[in-house]
Amino acid sequence: MSVLAVGTVAFDRIETPFGKRDRALGGSAMYITMAARFMCNDVRLVAVAGEDFPEEYIEDMRSRGIDLRGLEIKPDELTFAWGGKYHYDLNNRDTLYTDLNALSSFNPVLPDAYLDSKILCLGNLDPVIQNSVLSQVTNPSIVICDTMNYWIENTPHQLNNILSKVDCLVINDSEARELSGTANLVVAARKIRGMGPKIIVVKKGEHGALLFVEDTIFSVPAYPLEDIQDPTGAGDAFMGGFAGYLSGCADINLDALKSALVYGTAIASFTVEHFGPEGLYNLSMTDIYHRIGAFRNLTSIPEEILNQS
């Protein structure tokens, strides 16, 4: 099945205790598609950039199999740019600037070839834009949505509207608490499911991720890494890996969702080992399978304990 990601491409200025990058290739749509491509050979991107967006970055994505017919280049405008500084606790960062530029007037019209997309990833954008894209796709098999505290606080009506139409919401733990108005993530997931999405994925950074579907709660830990450089884009890469795995499933059932959670977490772990998308450039499925095996060892329960239950 095809994967369509709508979101941003961007210039990221990243500073962590371990180094810095300026004008690095960034953006939610870029990370989602760069991660999904490992398990899907029909990955489509919808985003906007300015005339300053270099051909080098376009080729970085195109050469890795991403369909860029949905990338709009606006003449006489600049590309969306974001700057952030991370602390030693990489869960905490300061946003230095956010320049919307071409993104401020983004009104995507999907190419005809994208209208039959089966897995739709609505990256972190204005809910009005997310809703516009959703209305253009004819019959998606699953709609996966992301959001953030800005939209929760400033566009609650529009956010509630899109949540009533999506199948899966992927957000971090603080956003889940804010959206639901409760501190307990189990209660939060139940309340959010009442808003529309029947599948909730809560990202917990260095503590892994939680899947809530029907009466099932499934947890995957974060992979313990010795070398962490930059967490930028890890959440979007998670969504891409999650969607990419589902694209190969004949039936999106509970086992498929659990496996997708593992693959998404594994691919995200490669992202944080490098700056920007560098960790995804030369990654192979063999690398991913090896890390999946490490996850299996990390979470295996001894047989003697299982036999006691």
Protein backbone atom coordinates (compact mmCIF):
# COMPACT_ATOMS: atom_id res chain seq x y z
CA MET A 1 0.00 0.00 0.00
CA SER A 2 1.12 3.55 -0.66
CA VAL A 3 2.08 5.97 2.13
CA LEU A 4 1.27 9.67 1.74
CA ALA A 5 2.77 12.14 4.21
CA VAL A 6 1.68 15.76 4.41
CA GLY A 7 3.77 18.06 6.56
CA THR A 8 6.80 20.28 6.25
CA VAL A 9 10.20 20.40 4.68
CA ALA A 10 12.44 22.83 6.48
CA PHE A 11 15.80 24.29 7.28
CA ASP A 12 16.70 23.26 10.83
CA ARG A 13 19.28 24.98 12.99
CA ILE A 14 20.12 22.40 15.64
CA GLU A 15 22.32 22.82 18.69
CA THR A 16 22.86 20.07 21.25
CA PRO A 17 25.59 19.55 23.88
CA PHE A 18 27.30 17.33 21.30
CA GLY A 19 27.44 19.62 18.29
CA LYS A 20 25.43 21.80 15.95
CA ARG A 21 24.13 22.01 12.40
CA ASP A 22 22.83 25.01 10.48
CA ARG A 23 20.31 24.84 7.62
CA ALA A 24 20.07 21.07 7.95
CA LEU A 25 17.35 19.33 5.96
CA GLY A 26 14.36 18.97 8.28
CA GLY A 27 10.58 18.93 8.44
CA SER A 28 7.92 16.43 9.45
CA ALA A 29 7.04 15.24 5.93
CA MET A 30 10.71 14.68 5.15
CA TYR A 31 11.30 12.54 8.26
CA ILE A 32 8.07 10.57 7.82
CA THR A 33 8.82 9.67 4.21
CA MET A 34 12.52 9.02 4.77
CA ALA A 35 11.56 6.48 7.45
CA ALA A 36 8.59 4.91 5.64
CA ARG A 37 10.62 4.16 2.51
CA PHE A 38 12.42 1.22 4.13
CA MET A 39 9.25 -0.86 4.07
CA CYS A 40 7.20 0.81 1.35
CA ASN A 41 8.16 1.36 -2.28
CA ASP A 42 5.43 3.93 -2.93
CA VAL A 43 6.06 6.86 -0.57
CA ARG A 44 4.55 10.24 -1.43
CA LEU A 45 5.32 13.66 0.04
CA VAL A 46 3.16 16.79 0.21
CA ALA A 47 4.88 19.94 1.47
CA VAL A 48 5.92 23.43 0.43
CA ALA A 49 9.35 25.06 0.14
CA GLY A 50 10.72 28.38 -1.01
CA GLU A 51 12.96 29.17 -3.93
CA ASP A 52 15.97 28.91 -1.59
CA PHE A 53 15.42 25.16 -1.09
CA PRO A 54 18.52 23.58 -2.63
CA GLU A 55 18.42 21.00 -5.39
CA GLU A 56 20.80 18.95 -3.26
CA TYR A 57 18.10 18.38 -0.66
CA ILE A 58 15.55 17.53 -3.32
CA GLU A 59 17.95 14.96 -4.73
CA ASP A 60 18.62 13.56 -1.23
CA MET A 61 14.94 12.65 -1.02
CA ARG A 62 14.31 11.71 -4.66
CA SER A 63 17.34 9.41 -4.83
CA ARG A 64 15.93 7.47 -1.89
CA GLY A 65 12.71 6.71 -3.69
CA ILE A 66 10.41 9.45 -2.36
CA ASP A 67 7.77 10.66 -4.81
CA LEU A 68 8.08 14.46 -4.79
CA ARG A 69 5.26 15.39 -7.16
CA GLY A 70 3.50 16.91 -4.13
CA LEU A 71 6.42 19.20 -3.22
CA GLU A 72 5.47 22.76 -4.15
CA ILE A 73 8.29 25.26 -4.67
CA LYS A 74 7.09 28.85 -4.23
CA PRO A 75 9.05 31.47 -6.16
CA ASP A 76 10.02 34.65 -4.34
CA GLU A 77 9.45 32.99 -0.94
CA LEU A 78 11.70 31.40 1.65
CA THR A 79 11.54 27.90 3.12
CA PHE A 80 10.10 27.25 6.57
CA ALA A 81 12.94 27.48 9.11
CA TRP A 82 13.22 26.37 12.73
CA GLY A 83 15.98 26.68 15.29
CA GLY A 84 16.29 24.80 18.56
CA LYS A 85 18.81 24.33 21.36
CA TYR A 86 18.74 21.12 23.40
CA HIS A 87 19.99 20.69 26.95
CA TYR A 88 21.83 17.69 28.43
CA ASP A 89 18.39 16.31 29.18
CA LEU A 90 17.48 16.02 25.52
CA ASN A 91 13.80 15.94 26.37
CA ASN A 92 14.13 19.68 27.05
CA ARG A 93 14.84 22.22 24.36
CA ASP A 94 14.52 25.93 23.72
CA THR A 95 12.98 27.06 20.45
CA LEU A 96 15.20 29.85 19.15
CA TYR A 97 12.99 30.88 16.24
CA THR A 98 10.21 29.64 13.96
CA ASP A 99 9.95 31.35 10.57
CA LEU A 100 6.87 30.11 8.71
CA ASN A 101 7.81 31.77 5.41
CA ALA A 102 6.23 29.79 2.52
CA LEU A 103 4.34 27.62 5.00
CA SER A 104 2.18 30.56 6.08
CA SER A 105 0.14 30.37 2.86
CA PHE A 106 0.33 26.60 2.33
CA ASN A 107 -2.89 25.27 0.78
CA PRO A 108 -2.05 21.85 -0.65
CA VAL A 109 -3.81 20.49 -3.70
CA LEU A 110 -2.92 16.83 -4.16
CA PRO A 111 -1.68 15.55 -7.51
CA ASP A 112 -4.22 13.23 -9.13
CA ALA A 113 -1.82 10.33 -8.65
CA TYR A 114 -1.98 10.81 -4.86
CA LEU A 115 -5.75 10.66 -4.48
CA ASP A 116 -5.77 6.87 -4.10
CA SER A 117 -3.20 6.86 -1.25
CA LYS A 118 -3.95 4.10 1.24
CA ILE A 119 -2.01 5.10 4.35
CA LEU A 120 -2.33 8.81 5.06
CA CYS A 121 0.04 10.45 7.55
CA LEU A 122 -1.12 13.89 8.61
CA GLY A 123 2.04 15.41 10.03
CA ASN A 124 2.07 18.18 12.61
CA LEU A 125 0.28 21.04 10.82
CA ASP A 126 -2.70 23.33 11.21
CA PRO A 127 -5.76 21.05 11.59
CA VAL A 128 -7.46 23.00 8.80
CA ILE A 129 -4.72 21.89 6.38
CA GLN A 130 -4.90 18.33 7.69
CA ASN A 131 -8.65 18.30 7.10
CA SER A 132 -8.23 19.71 3.58
CA VAL A 133 -5.82 16.93 2.63
CA LEU A 134 -8.00 14.25 4.20
CA SER A 135 -10.99 15.45 2.18
CA GLN A 136 -9.02 14.97 -1.06
CA VAL A 137 -7.97 11.35 -0.50
CA THR A 138 -10.65 9.03 -1.80
CA ASN A 139 -10.56 5.88 0.34
CA PRO A 140 -7.61 5.57 2.72
CA SER A 141 -7.15 2.32 4.63
CA ILE A 142 -5.91 4.14 7.73
CA VAL A 143 -5.45 7.81 8.63
CA ILE A 144 -2.66 8.57 11.11
CA CYS A 145 -2.53 12.04 12.65
CA ASP A 146 -0.03 14.04 14.69
CA THR A 147 -0.55 17.31 16.54
CA MET A 148 1.14 19.50 19.15
CA ASN A 149 0.36 21.75 22.09
CA TYR A 150 0.08 24.87 19.88
CA TRP A 151 -2.93 23.43 18.01
CA ILE A 152 -4.40 21.99 21.21
CA GLU A 153 -4.35 25.44 22.82
CA ASN A 154 -5.14 27.69 19.86
CA THR A 155 -7.38 25.71 17.49
CA PRO A 156 -9.37 23.31 19.71
CA HIS A 157 -12.50 23.32 17.52
CA GLN A 158 -10.59 22.59 14.32
CA LEU A 159 -8.51 19.95 16.11
CA ASN A 160 -11.61 18.21 17.45
CA ASN A 161 -13.02 18.19 13.93
CA ILE A 162 -10.03 16.37 12.44
CA LEU A 163 -9.78 13.99 15.41
CA SER A 164 -13.34 12.87 14.77
CA LYS A 165 -12.26 11.69 11.30
CA VAL A 166 -8.91 9.93 11.86
CA ASP A 167 -8.17 6.35 12.85
CA CYS A 168 -4.93 6.79 14.78
CA LEU A 169 -3.46 9.67 16.78
CA VAL A 170 0.28 9.75 17.49
CA ILE A 171 1.30 12.28 20.16
CA ASN A 172 3.78 12.58 23.00
CA ASP A 173 2.91 12.10 26.64
CA SER A 174 2.66 15.79 27.58
CA GLU A 175 0.36 16.47 24.61
CA ALA A 176 -1.84 13.51 25.57
CA ARG A 177 -2.19 14.89 29.09
CA GLU A 178 -3.00 18.39 27.82
CA LEU A 179 -5.48 17.21 25.22
CA SER A 180 -7.33 14.96 27.67
CA GLY A 181 -7.05 17.18 30.73
CA THR A 182 -5.77 14.33 32.88
CA ALA A 183 -2.33 13.25 34.09
CA ASN A 184 -2.87 9.48 33.91
CA LEU A 185 -1.97 8.23 30.43
CA VAL A 186 -4.33 5.25 30.58
CA VAL A 187 -7.25 7.56 31.37
CA ALA A 188 -5.95 10.10 28.84
CA ALA A 189 -5.94 7.53 26.06
CA ARG A 190 -9.50 6.47 26.88
CA LYS A 191 -10.69 10.08 26.79
CA ILE A 192 -8.92 10.79 23.49
CA ARG A 193 -10.40 7.65 21.94
CA GLY A 194 -13.77 9.13 22.82
CA MET A 195 -12.91 12.07 20.56
CA GLY A 196 -12.69 9.83 17.50
CA PRO A 197 -9.41 7.99 16.91
CA LYS A 198 -9.67 4.35 18.00
CA ILE A 199 -5.91 3.83 18.03
CA ILE A 200 -3.73 5.98 20.27
CA VAL A 201 0.06 5.93 20.26
CA VAL A 202 1.76 7.87 23.05
CA LYS A 203 5.43 8.63 22.49
CA LYS A 204 7.47 8.87 25.68
CA GLY A 205 10.89 9.84 24.33
CA GLU A 206 13.66 7.94 26.08
CA HIS A 207 11.00 5.82 27.81
CA GLY A 208 9.58 4.30 24.62
CA ALA A 209 6.00 4.27 23.38
CA LEU A 210 2.55 3.01 24.37
CA LEU A 211 -0.16 1.64 22.09
CA PHE A 212 -3.80 1.82 23.16
CA VAL A 213 -6.37 -0.03 21.04
CA GLU A 214 -9.66 -1.47 22.25
CA ASP A 215 -8.91 -3.01 25.67
CA THR A 216 -5.24 -3.62 24.89
CA ILE A 217 -2.25 -1.66 26.16
CA PHE A 218 1.09 -2.52 24.55
CA SER A 219 4.42 -0.99 25.54
CA VAL A 220 7.77 -0.84 23.75
CA PRO A 221 10.84 0.58 25.53
CA ALA A 222 13.24 2.96 23.88
CA TYR A 223 16.42 1.28 22.73
CA PRO A 224 19.26 2.11 25.17
CA LEU A 225 21.85 4.00 23.15
CA GLU A 226 25.38 4.97 24.14
CA ASP A 227 25.71 7.73 21.56
CA ILE A 228 22.82 10.19 21.27
CA GLN A 229 23.44 13.27 19.13
CA ASP A 230 20.14 14.89 18.17
CA PRO A 231 16.49 13.96 18.87
CA THR A 232 15.10 16.28 16.18
CA GLY A 233 12.68 14.43 13.92
CA ALA A 234 12.66 11.22 15.95
CA GLY A 235 8.91 11.41 16.53
CA ASP A 236 8.22 11.94 12.83
CA ALA A 237 10.60 9.10 11.91
CA PHE A 238 8.66 6.94 14.37
CA MET A 239 5.42 7.75 12.53
CA GLY A 240 7.07 6.96 9.20
CA GLY A 241 8.37 3.61 10.41
CA PHE A 242 4.98 2.83 11.95
CA ALA A 243 3.17 3.66 8.70
CA GLY A 244 5.77 1.96 6.52
CA TYR A 245 5.33 -1.32 8.36
CA LEU A 246 1.54 -1.14 8.10
CA SER A 247 1.82 -0.58 4.34
CA GLY A 248 2.94 -4.18 3.96
CA CYS A 249 0.11 -5.67 6.05
CA ALA A 250 -2.88 -7.27 4.38
CA ASP A 251 -4.90 -6.63 7.53
CA ILE A 252 -4.25 -3.80 9.99
CA ASN A 253 -5.09 -5.81 13.10
CA LEU A 254 -3.75 -5.77 16.65
CA ASP A 255 -0.64 -7.83 15.87
CA ALA A 256 0.16 -5.57 12.92
CA LEU A 257 -0.16 -2.47 15.11
CA LYS A 258 2.10 -3.99 17.78
CA SER A 259 4.74 -4.85 15.19
CA ALA A 260 4.45 -1.38 13.66
CA LEU A 261 5.12 0.13 17.07
CA VAL A 262 8.33 -1.89 17.35
CA TYR A 263 9.52 -0.95 13.85
CA GLY A 264 8.71 2.70 14.38
CA THR A 265 10.64 2.75 17.65
CA ALA A 266 13.62 0.97 16.08
CA ILE A 267 13.88 3.37 13.14
CA ALA A 268 13.51 6.39 15.42
CA SER A 269 16.45 5.12 17.47
CA PHE A 270 18.75 5.44 14.44
CA THR A 271 17.63 9.03 13.94
CA VAL A 272 18.85 10.25 17.32
CA GLU A 273 22.34 8.79 16.80
CA HIS A 274 23.12 11.46 14.19
CA PHE A 275 22.24 15.07 13.39
CA GLY A 276 19.19 15.77 11.28
CA PRO A 277 18.28 12.93 8.90
CA GLU A 278 21.87 11.70 8.57
CA GLY A 279 21.07 8.52 10.49
CA LEU A 280 18.47 7.57 7.87
CA TYR A 281 20.55 8.22 4.76
CA ASN A 282 22.58 5.01 4.62
CA LEU A 283 20.45 2.85 6.88
CA SER A 284 19.56 -0.61 5.55
CA MET A 285 16.85 -3.13 6.35
CA THR A 286 19.61 -5.39 7.68
CA ASP A 287 20.46 -2.69 10.24
CA ILE A 288 16.79 -2.40 11.18
CA TYR A 289 16.37 -6.17 11.54
CA HIS A 290 19.42 -6.32 13.80
CA ARG A 291 17.97 -3.65 16.04
CA ILE A 292 14.60 -5.43 16.09
CA GLY A 293 16.49 -8.50 17.31
CA ALA A 294 18.10 -6.40 20.03
CA PHE A 295 14.63 -5.20 21.08
CA ARG A 296 13.52 -8.83 21.28
CA ASN A 297 16.40 -9.64 23.61
CA LEU A 298 15.78 -6.48 25.61
CA THR A 299 12.15 -7.34 26.32
CA SER A 300 12.18 -11.15 26.50
CA ILE A 301 10.78 -12.71 29.66
CA PRO A 302 12.50 -15.89 30.95
CA GLU A 303 10.54 -19.07 30.24
CA GLU A 304 10.54 -20.11 33.87
CA ILE A 305 8.56 -17.00 34.78
CA LEU A 306 6.10 -17.59 31.94
CA ASN A 307 5.66 -21.20 33.05
CA GLN A 308 4.75 -20.01 36.56
CA SER A 309 1.81 -17.95 35.35
